[in-house]
Amino acid sequence: MNANKHTTHRTSKSDLTRVDAHKIQPHEYDEVPELIDEDFSKGTFKRAGRPVAADPRKQVTIRLPESVLKRWRESGAGWQTRMAKILERRAP
């Protein structure tokens, strides 16, 4: 399914060799305050990704004539969503 997607390699634009070679010195710890339990209680956790849908989609298999499917695909991006809306309006 993802075989046709082109991926780009992301770069951090950092000199990672220099970063890896750096040895942390004791005086560098003075720059960062020590975290206490109170600091952790103020934190919040956020889930990554899309929000949970109120009406989640479910994958189904449906057999359609090739000509019908071709016309839907040729109608452009979002054709599945448009098809779903029409089906929803026509549902008994």
N, C-alpha and C. Protein backbone atom coordinates (compact mmCIF):
# COMPACT_ATOMS: atom_id res chain seq x y z
N MET A 1 0.82 -1.19 0.00
CA MET A 1 0.00 0.00 0.00
C MET A 1 0.87 1.26 0.00
N ASN A 2 1.98 1.25 0.71
CA ASN A 2 2.87 2.40 0.77
C ASN A 2 4.00 2.31 -0.24
N ALA A 3 3.97 1.31 -1.12
CA ALA A 3 5.06 1.08 -2.04
C ALA A 3 5.26 2.24 -3.01
N ASN A 4 4.20 2.96 -3.36
CA ASN A 4 4.31 4.04 -4.32
C ASN A 4 4.65 5.38 -3.70
N LYS A 5 4.68 5.47 -2.40
CA LYS A 5 4.97 6.73 -1.75
C LYS A 5 6.47 7.00 -1.78
N HIS A 6 6.82 8.23 -2.14
CA HIS A 6 8.22 8.61 -2.15
C HIS A 6 8.59 9.15 -0.78
N THR A 7 9.69 8.67 -0.25
CA THR A 7 10.12 9.15 1.06
C THR A 7 11.35 10.01 0.89
N THR A 8 11.46 10.99 1.75
CA THR A 8 12.65 11.82 1.75
C THR A 8 13.37 11.59 3.06
N HIS A 9 14.68 11.62 2.99
CA HIS A 9 15.46 11.43 4.20
C HIS A 9 15.59 12.76 4.91
N ARG A 10 15.19 12.79 6.15
CA ARG A 10 15.25 14.02 6.92
C ARG A 10 16.64 14.17 7.53
N THR A 11 17.08 15.39 7.57
CA THR A 11 18.37 15.66 8.20
C THR A 11 18.15 16.63 9.34
N SER A 12 18.96 16.49 10.37
CA SER A 12 18.82 17.36 11.54
C SER A 12 19.58 18.66 11.37
N LYS A 13 20.40 18.75 10.35
CA LYS A 13 21.23 19.94 10.10
C LYS A 13 22.14 20.23 11.28
N SER A 14 22.50 19.20 12.03
CA SER A 14 23.43 19.34 13.15
C SER A 14 24.69 18.55 12.86
N ASP A 15 25.77 18.98 13.47
CA ASP A 15 27.03 18.26 13.33
C ASP A 15 27.04 17.16 14.40
N LEU A 16 26.43 16.02 14.06
CA LEU A 16 26.26 14.95 15.04
C LEU A 16 27.58 14.34 15.48
N THR A 17 28.59 14.37 14.62
CA THR A 17 29.90 13.86 15.00
C THR A 17 30.47 14.69 16.15
N ARG A 18 30.32 16.00 16.03
CA ARG A 18 30.81 16.90 17.09
C ARG A 18 29.99 16.72 18.37
N VAL A 19 28.68 16.54 18.22
CA VAL A 19 27.82 16.34 19.38
C VAL A 19 28.18 15.04 20.09
N ASP A 20 28.38 13.97 19.33
CA ASP A 20 28.76 12.68 19.92
C ASP A 20 30.11 12.75 20.62
N ALA A 21 31.02 13.56 20.09
CA ALA A 21 32.36 13.65 20.66
C ALA A 21 32.41 14.48 21.94
N HIS A 22 31.37 15.29 22.18
CA HIS A 22 31.37 16.18 23.35
C HIS A 22 31.22 15.38 24.65
N LYS A 23 32.06 15.66 25.58
CA LYS A 23 31.99 15.05 26.92
C LYS A 23 31.38 16.08 27.87
N ILE A 24 30.29 15.70 28.52
CA ILE A 24 29.61 16.62 29.43
C ILE A 24 30.48 16.86 30.65
N GLN A 25 30.65 18.13 30.97
CA GLN A 25 31.46 18.54 32.11
C GLN A 25 30.56 18.84 33.31
N PRO A 26 31.07 18.65 34.53
CA PRO A 26 30.25 18.89 35.73
C PRO A 26 29.61 20.28 35.77
N HIS A 27 30.33 21.32 35.33
CA HIS A 27 29.76 22.68 35.40
C HIS A 27 28.55 22.84 34.47
N GLU A 28 28.41 21.98 33.45
CA GLU A 28 27.27 22.09 32.54
C GLU A 28 25.97 21.68 33.22
N TYR A 29 26.05 20.87 34.25
CA TYR A 29 24.85 20.47 34.99
C TYR A 29 24.26 21.64 35.76
N ASP A 30 25.07 22.66 36.07
CA ASP A 30 24.57 23.83 36.79
C ASP A 30 23.55 24.61 35.96
N GLU A 31 23.59 24.46 34.66
CA GLU A 31 22.68 25.19 33.78
C GLU A 31 21.26 24.62 33.82
N VAL A 32 21.12 23.37 34.20
CA VAL A 32 19.83 22.69 34.19
C VAL A 32 19.36 22.49 35.63
N PRO A 33 18.20 23.04 36.01
CA PRO A 33 17.73 22.85 37.38
C PRO A 33 17.31 21.40 37.60
N GLU A 34 17.45 20.93 38.83
CA GLU A 34 17.05 19.57 39.16
C GLU A 34 15.52 19.49 39.19
N LEU A 35 14.99 18.45 38.60
CA LEU A 35 13.54 18.27 38.59
C LEU A 35 13.10 17.56 39.86
N ILE A 36 12.03 18.05 40.45
CA ILE A 36 11.50 17.44 41.67
C ILE A 36 10.11 16.89 41.36
N ASP A 37 9.53 16.13 42.28
CA ASP A 37 8.22 15.50 42.06
C ASP A 37 7.15 16.51 41.68
N GLU A 38 7.21 17.70 42.26
CA GLU A 38 6.22 18.73 41.95
C GLU A 38 6.27 19.11 40.46
N ASP A 39 7.46 19.15 39.90
CA ASP A 39 7.60 19.47 38.49
C ASP A 39 6.91 18.42 37.61
N PHE A 40 7.04 17.16 37.97
CA PHE A 40 6.43 16.09 37.19
C PHE A 40 4.91 16.10 37.33
N SER A 41 4.40 16.53 38.48
CA SER A 41 2.94 16.56 38.66
C SER A 41 2.29 17.66 37.82
N LYS A 42 3.05 18.65 37.41
CA LYS A 42 2.53 19.74 36.59
C LYS A 42 2.47 19.34 35.11
N GLY A 43 3.16 18.29 34.76
CA GLY A 43 3.24 17.89 33.35
C GLY A 43 1.95 17.27 32.85
N THR A 44 1.79 17.31 31.54
CA THR A 44 0.65 16.68 30.89
C THR A 44 1.17 15.76 29.79
N PHE A 45 0.40 14.74 29.50
CA PHE A 45 0.76 13.81 28.45
C PHE A 45 -0.21 14.00 27.29
N LYS A 46 0.32 14.04 26.10
CA LYS A 46 -0.51 14.17 24.92
C LYS A 46 -0.26 12.98 24.01
N ARG A 47 -1.35 12.42 23.53
CA ARG A 47 -1.23 11.31 22.59
C ARG A 47 -0.96 11.87 21.21
N ALA A 48 -0.05 11.25 20.51
CA ALA A 48 0.25 11.67 19.15
C ALA A 48 -0.73 11.03 18.19
N GLY A 49 -0.86 11.60 17.02
CA GLY A 49 -1.70 11.02 15.99
C GLY A 49 -3.03 11.71 15.87
N ARG A 50 -3.89 11.10 15.09
CA ARG A 50 -5.20 11.67 14.84
C ARG A 50 -6.11 11.49 16.04
N PRO A 51 -7.05 12.42 16.22
CA PRO A 51 -8.02 12.25 17.30
C PRO A 51 -8.94 11.07 17.01
N VAL A 52 -9.50 10.50 18.04
CA VAL A 52 -10.41 9.36 17.88
C VAL A 52 -11.69 9.86 17.25
N ALA A 53 -12.12 9.21 16.18
CA ALA A 53 -13.32 9.64 15.45
C ALA A 53 -14.58 9.23 16.20
N ALA A 54 -15.59 10.08 16.12
CA ALA A 54 -16.88 9.77 16.74
C ALA A 54 -17.57 8.62 16.00
N ASP A 55 -17.37 8.59 14.69
CA ASP A 55 -17.96 7.54 13.86
C ASP A 55 -16.82 6.91 13.06
N PRO A 56 -16.03 6.02 13.69
CA PRO A 56 -14.84 5.49 13.02
C PRO A 56 -15.18 4.69 11.77
N ARG A 57 -14.26 4.70 10.84
CA ARG A 57 -14.45 3.95 9.60
C ARG A 57 -14.07 2.50 9.79
N LYS A 58 -14.72 1.66 9.02
CA LYS A 58 -14.45 0.23 9.07
C LYS A 58 -14.23 -0.24 7.64
N GLN A 59 -13.19 -1.02 7.44
CA GLN A 59 -12.89 -1.50 6.10
C GLN A 59 -13.85 -2.62 5.71
N VAL A 60 -14.37 -2.53 4.49
CA VAL A 60 -15.26 -3.56 3.95
C VAL A 60 -14.80 -3.89 2.53
N THR A 61 -15.29 -4.99 2.02
CA THR A 61 -15.02 -5.37 0.64
C THR A 61 -16.33 -5.28 -0.13
N ILE A 62 -16.28 -4.59 -1.26
CA ILE A 62 -17.47 -4.44 -2.09
C ILE A 62 -17.04 -4.63 -3.55
N ARG A 63 -17.86 -5.34 -4.31
CA ARG A 63 -17.55 -5.58 -5.71
C ARG A 63 -18.31 -4.57 -6.55
N LEU A 64 -17.56 -3.76 -7.31
CA LEU A 64 -18.15 -2.74 -8.19
C LEU A 64 -17.67 -2.98 -9.61
N PRO A 65 -18.46 -2.59 -10.59
CA PRO A 65 -17.99 -2.68 -11.96
C PRO A 65 -16.73 -1.82 -12.14
N GLU A 66 -15.81 -2.32 -12.93
CA GLU A 66 -14.54 -1.62 -13.13
C GLU A 66 -14.76 -0.21 -13.67
N SER A 67 -15.74 -0.04 -14.56
CA SER A 67 -16.00 1.29 -15.14
C SER A 67 -16.47 2.28 -14.07
N VAL A 68 -17.26 1.82 -13.12
CA VAL A 68 -17.74 2.69 -12.04
C VAL A 68 -16.57 3.11 -11.16
N LEU A 69 -15.76 2.16 -10.78
CA LEU A 69 -14.60 2.46 -9.93
C LEU A 69 -13.64 3.40 -10.64
N LYS A 70 -13.44 3.20 -11.95
CA LYS A 70 -12.55 4.06 -12.72
C LYS A 70 -13.05 5.51 -12.71
N ARG A 71 -14.38 5.70 -12.91
CA ARG A 71 -14.93 7.07 -12.90
C ARG A 71 -14.75 7.72 -11.53
N TRP A 72 -14.96 6.97 -10.46
CA TRP A 72 -14.78 7.53 -9.11
C TRP A 72 -13.34 7.95 -8.90
N ARG A 73 -12.40 7.09 -9.27
CA ARG A 73 -10.97 7.41 -9.09
C ARG A 73 -10.56 8.63 -9.92
N GLU A 74 -11.10 8.72 -11.13
CA GLU A 74 -10.78 9.85 -12.00
C GLU A 74 -11.36 11.17 -11.48
N SER A 75 -12.32 11.10 -10.57
CA SER A 75 -12.92 12.32 -10.02
C SER A 75 -11.98 13.05 -9.08
N GLY A 76 -10.85 12.42 -8.76
CA GLY A 76 -9.82 13.12 -7.97
C GLY A 76 -9.71 12.63 -6.55
N ALA A 77 -8.76 13.24 -5.85
CA ALA A 77 -8.48 12.87 -4.46
C ALA A 77 -9.73 13.05 -3.60
N GLY A 78 -9.89 12.16 -2.64
CA GLY A 78 -11.03 12.22 -1.73
C GLY A 78 -12.25 11.50 -2.25
N TRP A 79 -12.07 10.70 -3.30
CA TRP A 79 -13.24 10.03 -3.89
C TRP A 79 -13.89 9.06 -2.92
N GLN A 80 -13.11 8.41 -2.05
CA GLN A 80 -13.72 7.48 -1.09
C GLN A 80 -14.63 8.23 -0.11
N THR A 81 -14.19 9.40 0.33
CA THR A 81 -14.99 10.20 1.25
C THR A 81 -16.28 10.66 0.58
N ARG A 82 -16.18 11.11 -0.67
CA ARG A 82 -17.39 11.54 -1.39
C ARG A 82 -18.34 10.37 -1.58
N MET A 83 -17.80 9.20 -1.89
CA MET A 83 -18.64 8.02 -2.06
C MET A 83 -19.34 7.66 -0.74
N ALA A 84 -18.61 7.75 0.36
CA ALA A 84 -19.17 7.43 1.66
C ALA A 84 -20.31 8.37 2.01
N LYS A 85 -20.17 9.66 1.68
CA LYS A 85 -21.23 10.64 1.96
C LYS A 85 -22.50 10.33 1.16
N ILE A 86 -22.31 9.95 -0.10
CA ILE A 86 -23.48 9.62 -0.92
C ILE A 86 -24.16 8.37 -0.38
N LEU A 87 -23.37 7.37 -0.03
CA LEU A 87 -23.94 6.14 0.54
C LEU A 87 -24.67 6.42 1.86
N GLU A 88 -24.11 7.32 2.66
CA GLU A 88 -24.74 7.66 3.93
C GLU A 88 -26.10 8.33 3.71
N ARG A 89 -26.20 9.21 2.72
CA ARG A 89 -27.46 9.88 2.44
C ARG A 89 -28.50 8.91 1.91
N ARG A 90 -28.07 7.88 1.20
CA ARG A 90 -28.98 6.92 0.59
C ARG A 90 -29.31 5.74 1.49
N ALA A 91 -28.68 5.66 2.64
CA ALA A 91 -28.90 4.52 3.54
C ALA A 91 -30.35 4.48 4.00
N PRO A 92 -30.91 3.27 4.09
CA PRO A 92 -32.33 3.16 4.53
C PRO A 92 -32.51 3.55 5.98
